[in-house]
Each structure stands twice: as C-alpha cells, then as structure tokens.
PDB file of N, CA and C in Angstrom:
ATOM      1  N   UNK A   1      88.843 119.063  83.980  1.00  0.00           N
ATOM      2  CA  UNK A   1      88.904 118.105  82.998  1.00  0.00           C
ATOM      3  C   UNK A   1      88.919 116.828  83.111  1.00  0.00           C
ATOM      4  N   UNK A   2      89.470 116.379  84.378  1.00  0.00           N
ATOM      5  CA  UNK A   2      89.387 115.106  84.779  1.00  0.00           C
ATOM      6  C   UNK A   2      88.059 114.386  84.776  1.00  0.00           C
ATOM      7  N   UNK A   3      87.262 115.249  85.554  1.00  0.00           N
ATOM      8  CA  UNK A   3      85.818 114.746  85.739  1.00  0.00           C
ATOM      9  C   UNK A   3      85.271 114.558  84.258  1.00  0.00           C
ATOM     10  N   UNK A   4      85.267 115.291  83.418  1.00  0.00           N
ATOM     11  CA  UNK A   4      84.830 115.114  82.070  1.00  0.00           C
ATOM     12  C   UNK A   4      85.542 113.949  81.400  1.00  0.00           C
ATOM     13  N   UNK A   5      86.716 113.610  81.434  1.00  0.00           N
ATOM     14  CA  UNK A   5      87.379 112.612  80.739  1.00  0.00           C
ATOM     15  C   UNK A   5      86.726 111.328  81.426  1.00  0.00           C
ATOM     16  N   UNK A   6      86.795 111.146  82.792  1.00  0.00           N
ATOM     17  CA  UNK A   6      86.132 110.114  83.466  1.00  0.00           C
ATOM     18  C   UNK A   6      84.765 109.852  82.964  1.00  0.00           C
ATOM     19  N   UNK A   7      83.808 110.913  82.977  1.00  0.00           N
ATOM     20  CA  UNK A   7      82.538 110.754  82.522  1.00  0.00           C
ATOM     21  C   UNK A   7      82.369 110.340  81.079  1.00  0.00           C
ATOM     22  N   UNK A   8      83.139 110.702  80.165  1.00  0.00           N
ATOM     23  CA  UNK A   8      82.939 110.508  78.857  1.00  0.00           C
ATOM     24  C   UNK A   8      83.629 109.189  78.497  1.00  0.00           C
ATOM     25  N   UNK A   9      84.575 108.574  79.372  1.00  0.00           N
ATOM     26  CA  UNK A   9      85.298 107.354  79.215  1.00  0.00           C
ATOM     27  C   UNK A   9      86.451 107.669  78.195  1.00  0.00           C
ATOM     28  N   UNK A  10      86.761 109.093  78.060  1.00  0.00           N
ATOM     29  CA  UNK A  10      87.954 109.399  77.326  1.00  0.00           C
ATOM     30  C   UNK A  10      87.645 110.919  77.085  1.00  0.00           C
ATOM     31  N   UNK A  11      88.514 111.292  76.027  1.00  0.00           N
ATOM     32  CA  UNK A  11      88.442 112.705  75.873  1.00  0.00           C
ATOM     33  C   UNK A  11      86.994 113.259  75.157  1.00  0.00           C
ATOM     34  N   UNK A  12      86.298 113.978  75.693  1.00  0.00           N
ATOM     35  CA  UNK A  12      84.998 114.645  75.043  1.00  0.00           C
ATOM     36  C   UNK A  12      85.456 115.611  74.069  1.00  0.00           C
ATOM     37  N   UNK A  13      84.498 116.178  73.417  1.00  0.00           N
ATOM     38  CA  UNK A  13      84.790 117.088  72.442  1.00  0.00           C
ATOM     39  C   UNK A  13      85.463 118.517  72.921  1.00  0.00           C
ATOM     40  N   UNK A  14      84.841 118.822  74.142  1.00  0.00           N
ATOM     41  CA  UNK A  14      85.511 120.102  74.708  1.00  0.00           C
ATOM     42  C   UNK A  14      86.941 119.802  75.066  1.00  0.00           C
ATOM     43  N   UNK A  15      87.139 118.734  75.757  1.00  0.00           N
ATOM     44  CA  UNK A  15      88.554 118.499  76.233  1.00  0.00           C
ATOM     45  C   UNK A  15      89.498 118.315  75.081  1.00  0.00           C
ATOM     46  N   UNK A  16      89.003 117.570  73.817  1.00  0.00           N
ATOM     47  CA  UNK A  16      89.980 117.457  72.890  1.00  0.00           C
ATOM     48  C   UNK A  16      90.198 118.840  72.268  1.00  0.00           C
ATOM     49  N   UNK A  17      89.117 119.627  72.241  1.00  0.00           N
ATOM     50  CA  UNK A  17      89.628 120.993  71.529  1.00  0.00           C
ATOM     51  C   UNK A  17      90.475 121.754  72.369  1.00  0.00           C
ATOM     52  N   UNK A  18      90.658 121.573  73.771  1.00  0.00           N
ATOM     53  CA  UNK A  18      91.661 122.323  74.721  1.00  0.00           C
ATOM     54  C   UNK A  18      92.975 121.735  74.287  1.00  0.00           C
ATOM     55  N   UNK A  19      92.984 120.521  74.232  1.00  0.00           N
ATOM     56  CA  UNK A  19      94.314 119.765  73.854  1.00  0.00           C
ATOM     57  C   UNK A  19      94.814 120.340  72.646  1.00  0.00           C
ATOM     58  N   UNK A  20      94.085 120.280  71.719  1.00  0.00           N
ATOM     59  CA  UNK A  20      94.364 120.764  70.343  1.00  0.00           C
ATOM     60  C   UNK A  20      94.900 122.266  70.278  1.00  0.00           C
ATOM     61  N   UNK A  21      94.172 122.986  71.091  1.00  0.00           N
ATOM     62  CA  UNK A  21      94.545 124.629  71.204  1.00  0.00           C
ATOM     63  C   UNK A  21      95.933 124.649  71.940  1.00  0.00           C
ATOM     64  N   UNK A  22      96.118 123.695  72.880  1.00  0.00           N
ATOM     65  CA  UNK A  22      97.564 123.859  73.686  1.00  0.00           C
ATOM     66  C   UNK A  22      98.637 123.435  72.698  1.00  0.00           C
ATOM     67  N   UNK A  23      98.414 122.234  71.952  1.00  0.00           N
ATOM     68  CA  UNK A  23      99.395 121.824  70.969  1.00  0.00           C
ATOM     69  C   UNK A  23      99.672 122.826  70.064  1.00  0.00           C
ATOM     70  N   UNK A  24      98.765 123.471  69.458  1.00  0.00           N
ATOM     71  CA  UNK A  24      99.041 124.482  68.357  1.00  0.00           C
ATOM     72  C   UNK A  24      99.759 125.723  68.996  1.00  0.00           C
ATOM     73  N   UNK A  25      99.493 125.938  70.368  1.00  0.00           N
ATOM     74  CA  UNK A  25     100.166 127.112  71.060  1.00  0.00           C
ATOM     75  C   UNK A  25     101.616 126.674  70.984  1.00  0.00           C
ATOM     76  N   UNK A  26     101.796 125.458  71.472  1.00  0.00           N
ATOM     77  CA  UNK A  26     103.287 124.904  71.798  1.00  0.00           C
ATOM     78  C   UNK A  26     104.002 124.972  70.327  1.00  0.00           C
ATOM     79  N   UNK A  27     103.311 124.673  69.251  1.00  0.00           N
ATOM     80  CA  UNK A  27     103.986 124.706  67.980  1.00  0.00           C
ATOM     81  C   UNK A  27     104.353 126.120  67.631  1.00  0.00           C
ATOM     82  N   UNK A  28     103.344 127.081  67.856  1.00  0.00           N
ATOM     83  CA  UNK A  28     103.535 128.361  67.383  1.00  0.00           C
ATOM     84  C   UNK A  28     104.752 128.964  68.162  1.00  0.00           C
ATOM     85  N   UNK A  29     104.731 128.697  69.335  1.00  0.00           N
ATOM     86  CA  UNK A  29     105.959 129.228  70.369  1.00  0.00           C
ATOM     87  C   UNK A  29     107.036 128.616  70.082  1.00  0.00           C
ATOM     88  N   UNK A  30     107.236 127.407  69.395  1.00  0.00           N
ATOM     89  CA  UNK A  30     108.701 126.882  69.107  1.00  0.00           C
ATOM     90  C   UNK A  30     108.926 125.832  70.298  1.00  0.00           C
ATOM     91  N   UNK A  31     107.859 125.507  71.022  1.00  0.00           N
ATOM     92  CA  UNK A  31     108.184 124.464  72.136  1.00  0.00           C
ATOM     93  C   UNK A  31     108.269 123.026  71.460  1.00  0.00           C
ATOM     94  N   UNK A  32     107.479 122.879  70.354  1.00  0.00           N
ATOM     95  CA  UNK A  32     107.547 121.705  69.706  1.00  0.00           C
ATOM     96  C   UNK A  32     107.775 122.025  68.186  1.00  0.00           C
ATOM     97  N   UNK A  33     108.328 121.118  67.473  1.00  0.00           N
ATOM     98  CA  UNK A  33     108.341 121.124  65.951  1.00  0.00           C
ATOM     99  C   UNK A  33     107.032 120.575  65.248  1.00  0.00           C
ATOM    100  N   UNK A  34     107.106 120.457  64.119  1.00  0.00           N
ATOM    101  CA  UNK A  34     105.950 120.143  63.254  1.00  0.00           C
ATOM    102  C   UNK A  34     105.811 118.587  63.507  1.00  0.00           C
ATOM    103  N   UNK A  35     106.867 117.924  63.343  1.00  0.00           N
ATOM    104  CA  UNK A  35     106.812 116.369  63.402  1.00  0.00           C
ATOM    105  C   UNK A  35     106.353 116.033  64.983  1.00  0.00           C
ATOM    106  N   UNK A  36     106.692 116.890  65.914  1.00  0.00           N
ATOM    107  CA  UNK A  36     106.153 116.383  67.355  1.00  0.00           C
ATOM    108  C   UNK A  36     104.666 116.764  67.339  1.00  0.00           C
ATOM    109  N   UNK A  37     104.329 117.698  66.661  1.00  0.00           N
ATOM    110  CA  UNK A  37     102.893 118.293  66.775  1.00  0.00           C
ATOM    111  C   UNK A  37     102.005 117.067  66.130  1.00  0.00           C
ATOM    112  N   UNK A  38     102.515 116.522  64.938  1.00  0.00           N
ATOM    113  CA  UNK A  38     101.852 115.574  64.290  1.00  0.00           C
ATOM    114  C   UNK A  38     101.723 114.313  65.187  1.00  0.00           C
ATOM    115  N   UNK A  39     102.971 113.838  65.739  1.00  0.00           N
ATOM    116  CA  UNK A  39     102.897 112.814  66.534  1.00  0.00           C
ATOM    117  C   UNK A  39     102.024 112.848  67.757  1.00  0.00           C
ATOM    118  N   UNK A  40     101.934 114.208  68.381  1.00  0.00           N
ATOM    119  CA  UNK A  40     101.156 114.370  69.635  1.00  0.00           C
ATOM    120  C   UNK A  40      99.732 114.151  69.240  1.00  0.00           C
ATOM    121  N   UNK A  41      99.170 114.713  68.065  1.00  0.00           N
ATOM    122  CA  UNK A  41      97.875 114.673  67.573  1.00  0.00           C
ATOM    123  C   UNK A  41      97.526 113.201  67.342  1.00  0.00           C
ATOM    124  N   UNK A  42      98.258 112.315  67.048  1.00  0.00           N
ATOM    125  CA  UNK A  42      97.873 110.915  66.808  1.00  0.00           C
ATOM    126  C   UNK A  42      98.262 110.031  67.910  1.00  0.00           C
ATOM    127  N   UNK A  43      99.014 110.413  68.925  1.00  0.00           N
ATOM    128  CA  UNK A  43      99.287 109.634  70.012  1.00  0.00           C
ATOM    129  C   UNK A  43      98.107 109.468  70.973  1.00  0.00           C
ATOM    130  N   UNK A  44      98.131 108.207  71.540  1.00  0.00           N
ATOM    131  CA  UNK A  44      97.045 107.951  72.645  1.00  0.00           C
ATOM    132  C   UNK A  44      97.417 108.751  73.788  1.00  0.00           C
ATOM    133  N   UNK A  45      96.595 109.196  74.405  1.00  0.00           N
ATOM    134  CA  UNK A  45      96.840 109.989  75.958  1.00  0.00           C
ATOM    135  C   UNK A  45      96.763 108.912  76.876  1.00  0.00           C
ATOM    136  N   UNK A  46      97.682 108.918  77.712  1.00  0.00           N
ATOM    137  CA  UNK A  46      97.571 108.016  78.884  1.00  0.00           C
ATOM    138  C   UNK A  46      97.445 108.906  80.281  1.00  0.00           C
ATOM    139  N   UNK A  47      96.425 108.721  81.102  1.00  0.00           N
ATOM    140  CA  UNK A  47      96.418 109.409  82.208  1.00  0.00           C
ATOM    141  C   UNK A  47      96.891 108.616  83.532  1.00  0.00           C
ATOM    142  N   UNK A  48      97.647 109.205  84.297  1.00  0.00           N
ATOM    143  CA  UNK A  48      98.092 108.580  85.480  1.00  0.00           C
ATOM    144  C   UNK A  48      97.296 109.297  86.746  1.00  0.00           C
ATOM    145  N   UNK A  49      96.716 108.240  87.359  1.00  0.00           N
ATOM    146  CA  UNK A  49      96.003 108.899  88.710  1.00  0.00           C
ATOM    147  C   UNK A  49      96.999 109.649  89.479  1.00  0.00           C
ATOM    148  N   UNK A  50      96.385 110.759  89.758  1.00  0.00           N
ATOM    149  CA  UNK A  50      97.052 111.739  90.857  1.00  0.00           C
ATOM    150  C   UNK A  50      96.388 111.505  92.237  1.00  0.00           C
ATOM    151  N   UNK A  51      97.047 112.138  93.151  1.00  0.00           N
ATOM    152  CA  UNK A  51      96.534 112.006  94.475  1.00  0.00           C
ATOM    153  C   UNK A  51      95.072 112.759  94.723  1.00  0.00           C
ATOM    154  N   UNK A  52      94.976 113.741  93.852  1.00  0.00           N
ATOM    155  CA  UNK A  52      93.710 114.472  93.953  1.00  0.00           C
ATOM    156  C   UNK A  52      92.641 113.545  93.314  1.00  0.00           C
ATOM    157  N   UNK A  53      92.915 112.836  92.348  1.00  0.00           N
ATOM    158  CA  UNK A  53      92.088 112.003  91.704  1.00  0.00           C
ATOM    159  C   UNK A  53      91.552 110.895  92.755  1.00  0.00           C
ATOM    160  N   UNK A  54      92.512 110.392  93.345  1.00  0.00           N
ATOM    161  CA  UNK A  54      92.212 109.303  94.329  1.00  0.00           C
ATOM    162  C   UNK A  54      91.408 109.835  95.540  1.00  0.00           C
ATOM    163  N   UNK A  55      91.684 111.026  95.918  1.00  0.00           N
ATOM    164  CA  UNK A  55      90.775 111.579  96.895  1.00  0.00           C
ATOM    165  C   UNK A  55      89.511 111.983  96.456  1.00  0.00           C
ATOM    166  N   UNK A  56      89.134 112.166  95.196  1.00  0.00           N
ATOM    167  CA  UNK A  56      87.867 112.381  94.711  1.00  0.00           C
ATOM    168  C   UNK A  56      86.974 110.900  94.228  1.00  0.00           C
ATOM    169  N   UNK A  57      87.760 109.933  94.579  1.00  0.00           N
ATOM    170  CA  UNK A  57      87.128 108.611  94.164  1.00  0.00           C
ATOM    171  C   UNK A  57      87.376 108.015  92.806  1.00  0.00           C
ATOM    172  N   UNK A  58      88.302 108.779  91.991  1.00  0.00           N
ATOM    173  CA  UNK A  58      88.508 108.314  90.784  1.00  0.00           C
ATOM    174  C   UNK A  58      89.693 107.382  90.726  1.00  0.00           C
TER     175      UNK A  58
END
C-alpha cells in the first residue's frame, strides 16, 4: 500500500476502498461508534515514515 500511496501522491482508488472496508468492519464489530466512523471518513490521513519506508528510499 505504501508504494501505491507514494506513486499516486495520496490514496489511490484501491487504497481508499481498502481503508473504507476496514472502517466499516471496525464499526460493524463495535470497535468504533458511528460518530467516530464519520470522523475517520472525513479526516486527513497522515503517514509517518517507517524504518521500512526509509530503507526502500521513500
């Protein structure tokens, strides 16, 4: 996913769909409530460089 995000300069359609699927599952399973789901859908995603990313040249 990291490579797709970097290549697209943000979330591409496939990555966005994966995030939405995870958020829906979290809501379904009671991990987050409806207001948290709405907030997560509209919040900007921040990516923190990881050691793996640094090793890959990102």
